[in-house]
Amino acid sequence: MKWYSDLYVGDTIKEKKNRIVRQVKQKGRARDVFLVALPANPGNLLDIIPSRFSGQYEDLHVIGIAKGKDEACQVAAEIIGQVYRETGAFDIPGFLRMQEKKKKQEV
């Protein structure tokens, strides 16, 4: 499982982000936490996966976390909206690579 360095986080768990990420990494789950990930199927924009199922995916690349499915949908919509506003397209993996490059150049 890979984690995006600038993780998108739902509003209700912002203060618990580090603890929740640690729980998912160590135990493979956290109560009522959903992961927003790059899609397993290239025809999709994103996948929303309950954290309890995260171990079933080999190449999971998590870019967001949220408490509950509704908040996970909001986080996914936020990501898609940002990508479209800034690029005029829906290439989420390309956008994330571009963001990582910008971040490395700033350091």
N, C-alpha and C. Protein backbone atom coordinates (compact mmCIF):
# COMPACT_ATOMS: atom_id res chain seq x y z
N MET A 1 0.84 -1.17 0.00
CA MET A 1 0.00 0.00 0.00
C MET A 1 0.89 1.24 0.00
N LYS A 2 0.59 2.15 -0.91
CA LYS A 2 1.33 3.41 -0.99
C LYS A 2 0.41 4.53 -0.53
N TRP A 3 1.00 5.56 0.04
CA TRP A 3 0.25 6.70 0.55
C TRP A 3 0.74 7.98 -0.12
N TYR A 4 -0.18 8.77 -0.62
CA TYR A 4 0.13 10.07 -1.21
C TYR A 4 0.67 10.98 -0.10
N SER A 5 1.73 11.70 -0.36
CA SER A 5 2.40 12.50 0.66
C SER A 5 1.54 13.66 1.17
N ASP A 6 0.66 14.19 0.34
CA ASP A 6 -0.20 15.31 0.73
C ASP A 6 -1.65 14.81 0.79
N LEU A 7 -1.89 13.85 1.65
CA LEU A 7 -3.14 13.12 1.76
C LEU A 7 -4.35 14.06 1.90
N TYR A 8 -5.40 13.79 1.12
CA TYR A 8 -6.66 14.49 1.28
C TYR A 8 -7.39 13.85 2.46
N VAL A 9 -7.94 14.67 3.36
CA VAL A 9 -8.55 14.15 4.58
C VAL A 9 -9.92 14.79 4.78
N GLY A 10 -10.90 13.96 5.11
CA GLY A 10 -12.24 14.45 5.41
C GLY A 10 -12.24 15.35 6.63
N ASP A 11 -13.17 16.29 6.66
CA ASP A 11 -13.22 17.28 7.74
C ASP A 11 -13.37 16.66 9.13
N THR A 12 -14.13 15.59 9.25
CA THR A 12 -14.41 15.04 10.58
C THR A 12 -13.23 14.30 11.19
N ILE A 13 -12.21 14.00 10.40
CA ILE A 13 -11.07 13.25 10.96
C ILE A 13 -9.74 13.97 10.80
N LYS A 14 -9.78 15.23 10.42
CA LYS A 14 -8.52 15.98 10.23
C LYS A 14 -7.61 15.92 11.45
N GLU A 15 -8.19 16.06 12.64
CA GLU A 15 -7.38 16.08 13.86
C GLU A 15 -6.85 14.70 14.23
N LYS A 16 -7.46 13.64 13.70
CA LYS A 16 -7.06 12.26 14.02
C LYS A 16 -6.31 11.60 12.87
N LYS A 17 -5.94 12.39 11.88
CA LYS A 17 -5.34 11.85 10.65
C LYS A 17 -4.18 10.89 10.93
N ASN A 18 -3.20 11.32 11.68
CA ASN A 18 -2.01 10.49 11.90
C ASN A 18 -2.33 9.18 12.59
N ARG A 19 -3.21 9.23 13.58
CA ARG A 19 -3.59 8.03 14.30
C ARG A 19 -4.33 7.05 13.38
N ILE A 20 -5.22 7.59 12.56
CA ILE A 20 -6.00 6.74 11.65
C ILE A 20 -5.10 6.11 10.60
N VAL A 21 -4.20 6.89 10.03
CA VAL A 21 -3.26 6.34 9.04
C VAL A 21 -2.44 5.23 9.66
N ARG A 22 -1.97 5.45 10.87
CA ARG A 22 -1.18 4.43 11.58
C ARG A 22 -2.01 3.15 11.79
N GLN A 23 -3.28 3.29 12.17
CA GLN A 23 -4.14 2.13 12.37
C GLN A 23 -4.32 1.35 11.08
N VAL A 24 -4.55 2.05 9.99
CA VAL A 24 -4.75 1.37 8.71
C VAL A 24 -3.46 0.67 8.28
N LYS A 25 -2.33 1.33 8.45
CA LYS A 25 -1.05 0.73 8.06
C LYS A 25 -0.73 -0.51 8.91
N GLN A 26 -0.99 -0.45 10.20
CA GLN A 26 -0.62 -1.55 11.10
C GLN A 26 -1.64 -2.67 11.11
N LYS A 27 -2.91 -2.32 11.22
CA LYS A 27 -3.96 -3.32 11.36
C LYS A 27 -4.73 -3.60 10.07
N GLY A 28 -4.55 -2.71 9.10
CA GLY A 28 -5.28 -2.86 7.85
C GLY A 28 -6.70 -2.33 7.92
N ARG A 29 -7.03 -1.66 9.03
CA ARG A 29 -8.38 -1.11 9.13
C ARG A 29 -8.45 -0.08 10.26
N ALA A 30 -9.49 0.72 10.17
CA ALA A 30 -9.87 1.65 11.23
C ALA A 30 -11.39 1.77 11.15
N ARG A 31 -12.02 1.89 12.27
CA ARG A 31 -13.48 1.87 12.34
C ARG A 31 -14.13 2.96 11.49
N ASP A 32 -14.99 2.53 10.58
CA ASP A 32 -15.78 3.41 9.70
C ASP A 32 -14.93 4.38 8.87
N VAL A 33 -13.72 3.97 8.55
CA VAL A 33 -12.83 4.79 7.72
C VAL A 33 -12.82 4.23 6.30
N PHE A 34 -12.94 5.13 5.35
CA PHE A 34 -12.90 4.76 3.94
C PHE A 34 -11.67 5.38 3.30
N LEU A 35 -11.08 4.66 2.37
CA LEU A 35 -9.90 5.12 1.66
C LEU A 35 -10.31 5.55 0.26
N VAL A 36 -9.80 6.68 -0.17
CA VAL A 36 -9.98 7.14 -1.54
C VAL A 36 -8.66 6.84 -2.24
N ALA A 37 -8.73 6.02 -3.28
CA ALA A 37 -7.50 5.52 -3.90
C ALA A 37 -7.56 5.65 -5.41
N LEU A 38 -6.37 5.61 -6.00
CA LEU A 38 -6.33 5.55 -7.46
C LEU A 38 -7.01 4.26 -7.88
N PRO A 39 -7.69 4.27 -9.01
CA PRO A 39 -8.54 3.13 -9.37
C PRO A 39 -7.77 1.89 -9.82
N ALA A 40 -8.33 0.74 -9.47
CA ALA A 40 -7.80 -0.53 -9.97
C ALA A 40 -8.17 -0.70 -11.44
N ASN A 41 -9.32 -0.16 -11.83
CA ASN A 41 -9.80 -0.20 -13.20
C ASN A 41 -9.51 1.14 -13.86
N PRO A 42 -8.72 1.18 -14.92
CA PRO A 42 -8.36 2.47 -15.54
C PRO A 42 -9.55 3.24 -16.09
N GLY A 43 -10.70 2.61 -16.20
CA GLY A 43 -11.90 3.31 -16.67
C GLY A 43 -12.56 4.15 -15.59
N ASN A 44 -12.14 3.99 -14.35
CA ASN A 44 -12.70 4.75 -13.23
C ASN A 44 -11.81 5.95 -12.90
N LEU A 45 -12.39 6.93 -12.24
CA LEU A 45 -11.59 8.08 -11.79
C LEU A 45 -10.91 7.77 -10.47
N LEU A 46 -11.66 7.23 -9.50
CA LEU A 46 -11.13 6.90 -8.17
C LEU A 46 -11.88 5.69 -7.63
N ASP A 47 -11.29 5.04 -6.64
CA ASP A 47 -11.97 3.98 -5.91
C ASP A 47 -12.19 4.45 -4.49
N ILE A 48 -13.33 4.06 -3.92
CA ILE A 48 -13.63 4.31 -2.51
C ILE A 48 -13.77 2.95 -1.86
N ILE A 49 -12.88 2.68 -0.89
CA ILE A 49 -12.76 1.35 -0.32
C ILE A 49 -12.85 1.43 1.19
N PRO A 50 -13.70 0.61 1.81
CA PRO A 50 -13.67 0.54 3.28
C PRO A 50 -12.30 0.07 3.73
N SER A 51 -11.75 0.69 4.76
CA SER A 51 -10.39 0.34 5.18
C SER A 51 -10.25 -1.13 5.54
N ARG A 52 -11.32 -1.77 5.99
CA ARG A 52 -11.23 -3.19 6.36
C ARG A 52 -10.94 -4.09 5.17
N PHE A 53 -11.14 -3.58 3.94
CA PHE A 53 -10.85 -4.36 2.74
C PHE A 53 -9.52 -3.98 2.09
N SER A 54 -8.78 -3.09 2.70
CA SER A 54 -7.56 -2.58 2.07
C SER A 54 -6.53 -3.67 1.81
N GLY A 55 -6.51 -4.71 2.62
CA GLY A 55 -5.55 -5.79 2.43
C GLY A 55 -5.81 -6.65 1.22
N GLN A 56 -6.97 -6.50 0.61
CA GLN A 56 -7.33 -7.30 -0.55
C GLN A 56 -6.81 -6.72 -1.86
N TYR A 57 -6.19 -5.56 -1.79
CA TYR A 57 -5.68 -4.89 -2.98
C TYR A 57 -4.16 -4.91 -2.96
N GLU A 58 -3.57 -5.36 -4.05
CA GLU A 58 -2.10 -5.46 -4.11
C GLU A 58 -1.42 -4.10 -4.24
N ASP A 59 -1.83 -3.34 -5.21
CA ASP A 59 -1.17 -2.06 -5.51
C ASP A 59 -2.05 -0.88 -5.16
N LEU A 60 -2.50 -0.81 -3.93
CA LEU A 60 -3.37 0.27 -3.50
C LEU A 60 -2.56 1.54 -3.28
N HIS A 61 -2.98 2.62 -3.94
CA HIS A 61 -2.33 3.93 -3.78
C HIS A 61 -3.37 4.87 -3.18
N VAL A 62 -3.28 5.08 -1.88
CA VAL A 62 -4.26 5.87 -1.13
C VAL A 62 -3.93 7.36 -1.27
N ILE A 63 -4.93 8.13 -1.69
CA ILE A 63 -4.71 9.58 -1.81
C ILE A 63 -5.63 10.37 -0.89
N GLY A 64 -6.57 9.67 -0.22
CA GLY A 64 -7.46 10.35 0.70
C GLY A 64 -8.07 9.39 1.70
N ILE A 65 -8.48 9.94 2.85
CA ILE A 65 -9.18 9.15 3.85
C ILE A 65 -10.36 9.96 4.37
N ALA A 66 -11.38 9.24 4.83
CA ALA A 66 -12.57 9.92 5.32
C ALA A 66 -13.31 9.03 6.30
N LYS A 67 -14.11 9.65 7.14
CA LYS A 67 -14.96 8.93 8.08
C LYS A 67 -16.32 8.74 7.43
N GLY A 68 -16.66 7.52 7.12
CA GLY A 68 -17.94 7.21 6.50
C GLY A 68 -17.91 7.34 4.99
N LYS A 69 -18.86 6.66 4.37
CA LYS A 69 -18.89 6.63 2.91
C LYS A 69 -19.28 7.99 2.32
N ASP A 70 -20.23 8.69 2.97
CA ASP A 70 -20.64 10.00 2.44
C ASP A 70 -19.48 10.98 2.41
N GLU A 71 -18.71 11.02 3.49
CA GLU A 71 -17.57 11.92 3.52
C GLU A 71 -16.51 11.49 2.51
N ALA A 72 -16.35 10.18 2.30
CA ALA A 72 -15.40 9.70 1.29
C ALA A 72 -15.83 10.17 -0.10
N CYS A 73 -17.12 10.17 -0.36
CA CYS A 73 -17.61 10.68 -1.65
C CYS A 73 -17.32 12.17 -1.79
N GLN A 74 -17.44 12.91 -0.69
CA GLN A 74 -17.13 14.34 -0.71
C GLN A 74 -15.64 14.58 -0.98
N VAL A 75 -14.79 13.78 -0.34
CA VAL A 75 -13.35 13.90 -0.56
C VAL A 75 -13.01 13.57 -2.01
N ALA A 76 -13.61 12.51 -2.54
CA ALA A 76 -13.37 12.15 -3.94
C ALA A 76 -13.83 13.27 -4.88
N ALA A 77 -14.99 13.85 -4.60
CA ALA A 77 -15.49 14.96 -5.43
C ALA A 77 -14.55 16.16 -5.35
N GLU A 78 -14.02 16.42 -4.17
CA GLU A 78 -13.06 17.52 -3.99
C GLU A 78 -11.81 17.30 -4.84
N ILE A 79 -11.30 16.08 -4.83
CA ILE A 79 -10.10 15.74 -5.61
C ILE A 79 -10.39 15.91 -7.10
N ILE A 80 -11.48 15.33 -7.56
CA ILE A 80 -11.83 15.40 -8.98
C ILE A 80 -12.03 16.85 -9.40
N GLY A 81 -12.72 17.62 -8.56
CA GLY A 81 -12.95 19.04 -8.87
C GLY A 81 -11.66 19.82 -8.96
N GLN A 82 -10.76 19.60 -8.02
CA GLN A 82 -9.48 20.30 -8.04
C GLN A 82 -8.68 19.95 -9.29
N VAL A 83 -8.64 18.68 -9.62
CA VAL A 83 -7.89 18.25 -10.81
C VAL A 83 -8.47 18.91 -12.05
N TYR A 84 -9.79 18.92 -12.17
CA TYR A 84 -10.41 19.51 -13.36
C TYR A 84 -10.19 21.02 -13.42
N ARG A 85 -10.34 21.70 -12.27
CA ARG A 85 -10.15 23.16 -12.25
C ARG A 85 -8.73 23.55 -12.65
N GLU A 86 -7.76 22.78 -12.17
CA GLU A 86 -6.36 23.16 -12.40
C GLU A 86 -5.79 22.66 -13.72
N THR A 87 -6.39 21.62 -14.30
CA THR A 87 -5.83 21.05 -15.54
C THR A 87 -6.80 21.04 -16.71
N GLY A 88 -8.09 21.15 -16.43
CA GLY A 88 -9.09 21.05 -17.49
C GLY A 88 -9.29 19.62 -17.98
N ALA A 89 -8.78 18.65 -17.23
CA ALA A 89 -8.90 17.24 -17.60
C ALA A 89 -9.12 16.42 -16.32
N PHE A 90 -9.22 15.12 -16.50
CA PHE A 90 -9.48 14.23 -15.37
C PHE A 90 -8.34 13.24 -15.15
N ASP A 91 -7.12 13.62 -15.51
CA ASP A 91 -5.96 12.74 -15.32
C ASP A 91 -5.46 12.89 -13.89
N ILE A 92 -6.07 12.17 -12.98
CA ILE A 92 -5.73 12.29 -11.57
C ILE A 92 -4.31 11.81 -11.29
N PRO A 93 -3.89 10.64 -11.79
CA PRO A 93 -2.49 10.22 -11.54
C PRO A 93 -1.47 11.23 -12.07
N GLY A 94 -1.72 11.79 -13.24
CA GLY A 94 -0.82 12.80 -13.81
C GLY A 94 -0.78 14.05 -12.95
N PHE A 95 -1.93 14.48 -12.47
CA PHE A 95 -2.01 15.65 -11.60
C PHE A 95 -1.23 15.42 -10.31
N LEU A 96 -1.38 14.24 -9.71
CA LEU A 96 -0.68 13.95 -8.46
C LEU A 96 0.83 13.91 -8.66
N ARG A 97 1.27 13.36 -9.80
CA ARG A 97 2.71 13.36 -10.10
C ARG A 97 3.21 14.79 -10.24
N MET A 98 2.43 15.63 -10.90
CA MET A 98 2.80 17.04 -11.08
C MET A 98 2.89 17.74 -9.71
N GLN A 99 1.96 17.45 -8.82
CA GLN A 99 1.97 18.05 -7.49
C GLN A 99 3.21 17.61 -6.70
N GLU A 100 3.56 16.34 -6.81
CA GLU A 100 4.74 15.81 -6.11
C GLU A 100 6.02 16.48 -6.64
N LYS A 101 6.10 16.67 -7.96
CA LYS A 101 7.27 17.34 -8.54
C LYS A 101 7.38 18.77 -8.03
N LYS A 102 6.25 19.48 -8.01
CA LYS A 102 6.24 20.86 -7.50
C LYS A 102 6.72 20.90 -6.05
N LYS A 103 6.24 19.96 -5.26
CA LYS A 103 6.60 19.91 -3.85
C LYS A 103 8.10 19.67 -3.67
N LYS A 104 8.68 18.78 -4.49
CA LYS A 104 10.11 18.50 -4.42
C LYS A 104 10.94 19.70 -4.83
N GLN A 105 10.44 20.46 -5.81
CA GLN A 105 11.18 21.63 -6.28
C GLN A 105 11.16 22.75 -5.25
N GLU A 106 10.10 22.81 -4.44
CA GLU A 106 9.99 23.85 -3.41
C GLU A 106 10.95 23.62 -2.26
N VAL A 107 11.32 22.36 -2.03
CA VAL A 107 12.17 22.01 -0.90
C VAL A 107 13.60 22.30 -1.18
